[in-house]
Amino acid sequence: MSVAGTAEEMLPIFRSTFPEFNGTIDDRVLVFLNLARTIFYKCQDATLYLAAHLLVLANSNGIGDESATDQQVGDNQASLPLSMA
């Protein structure tokens, strides 16, 4: 288990591990890397995978979309697969 570095240090690793996000701007990826670091600050791999997971959810449901209104984000959260959890 490797200790997670800063989000900026993990960005190149994230890019090479998850090339499907190469079209996503760095600032957006860094937001989710920082969020994941708050949960898995001791494990780089867990941080990377959680950030990728959160990006998939955000991209498919508009969560974190700067153009989405608060109401739209709330509506999208209700449709998430784990909304019953």
Protein backbone atom coordinates (compact mmCIF):
# COMPACT_ATOMS: atom_id res chain seq x y z
CA MET A 1 0.00 0.00 0.00
CA SER A 2 1.49 3.28 -1.08
CA VAL A 3 0.74 6.51 0.76
CA ALA A 4 -1.23 8.97 -1.34
CA GLY A 5 0.63 12.10 -2.34
CA THR A 6 -0.95 15.38 -3.29
CA ALA A 7 -3.63 15.45 -5.96
CA GLU A 8 -1.17 17.17 -8.29
CA GLU A 9 1.38 14.38 -7.74
CA MET A 10 -1.26 11.73 -8.42
CA LEU A 11 -2.61 13.37 -11.59
CA PRO A 12 -0.06 11.77 -14.00
CA ILE A 13 -0.65 8.38 -12.36
CA PHE A 14 -4.40 8.88 -12.66
CA ARG A 15 -4.02 9.81 -16.34
CA SER A 16 -1.98 6.69 -17.11
CA THR A 17 -4.23 4.39 -15.07
CA PHE A 18 -7.50 5.77 -16.44
CA PRO A 19 -6.87 6.97 -20.02
CA GLU A 20 -10.64 7.21 -20.59
CA PHE A 21 -10.49 10.50 -18.63
CA ASN A 22 -7.78 12.08 -20.80
CA GLY A 23 -10.42 14.40 -22.27
CA THR A 24 -11.38 15.67 -18.82
CA ILE A 25 -9.68 18.92 -17.82
CA ASP A 26 -7.07 18.72 -15.07
CA ASP A 27 -8.96 21.02 -12.69
CA ARG A 28 -12.01 18.73 -12.73
CA VAL A 29 -9.90 15.63 -12.11
CA LEU A 30 -8.05 17.40 -9.30
CA VAL A 31 -11.34 18.24 -7.58
CA PHE A 32 -12.25 14.55 -7.42
CA LEU A 33 -8.72 13.46 -6.48
CA ASN A 34 -8.80 15.90 -3.56
CA LEU A 35 -12.22 14.64 -2.51
CA ALA A 36 -11.03 11.03 -2.66
CA ARG A 37 -7.90 11.95 -0.68
CA THR A 38 -10.04 13.14 2.21
CA ILE A 39 -11.37 9.59 2.52
CA PHE A 40 -8.38 7.44 1.52
CA TYR A 41 -5.45 9.69 2.39
CA LYS A 42 -3.24 6.72 3.30
CA CYS A 43 -3.77 4.65 0.16
CA GLN A 44 -2.93 6.01 -3.27
CA ASP A 45 -4.63 3.17 -5.18
CA ALA A 46 -7.90 3.60 -3.28
CA THR A 47 -7.74 7.35 -3.87
CA LEU A 48 -7.25 6.88 -7.61
CA TYR A 49 -10.07 4.37 -7.96
CA LEU A 50 -12.49 6.41 -5.85
CA ALA A 51 -11.74 9.54 -7.88
CA ALA A 52 -12.39 7.62 -11.11
CA HIS A 53 -15.63 6.23 -9.68
CA LEU A 54 -16.80 9.69 -8.62
CA LEU A 55 -15.94 11.10 -12.05
CA VAL A 56 -18.00 8.39 -13.75
CA LEU A 57 -20.96 9.19 -11.52
CA ALA A 58 -20.53 12.92 -12.03
CA ASN A 59 -20.19 12.61 -15.80
CA SER A 60 -23.19 10.33 -16.20
CA ASN A 61 -25.55 12.23 -13.90
CA GLY A 62 -24.51 15.86 -14.08
CA ILE A 63 -23.26 15.92 -10.50
CA GLY A 64 -20.49 18.44 -10.24
CA ASP A 65 -21.46 19.96 -13.59
CA GLU A 66 -20.90 23.67 -13.23
CA SER A 67 -23.88 24.39 -15.47
CA ALA A 68 -26.30 22.27 -13.42
CA THR A 69 -28.59 24.04 -10.99
CA ASP A 70 -29.00 22.82 -7.42
CA GLN A 71 -32.41 21.39 -8.32
CA GLN A 72 -30.99 19.47 -11.30
CA VAL A 73 -28.22 18.00 -9.17
CA GLY A 74 -30.76 16.93 -6.54
CA ASP A 75 -32.92 15.31 -9.20
CA ASN A 76 -29.90 13.47 -10.61
CA GLN A 77 -28.85 12.19 -7.19
CA ALA A 78 -32.25 10.55 -6.78
CA SER A 79 -31.63 8.51 -9.93
CA LEU A 80 -28.24 7.14 -8.87
CA PRO A 81 -28.09 3.33 -8.68
CA LEU A 82 -27.34 3.42 -4.94
CA SER A 83 -30.05 5.91 -4.02
CA MET A 84 -31.66 3.37 -1.67
CA ALA A 85 -28.48 2.76 0.34
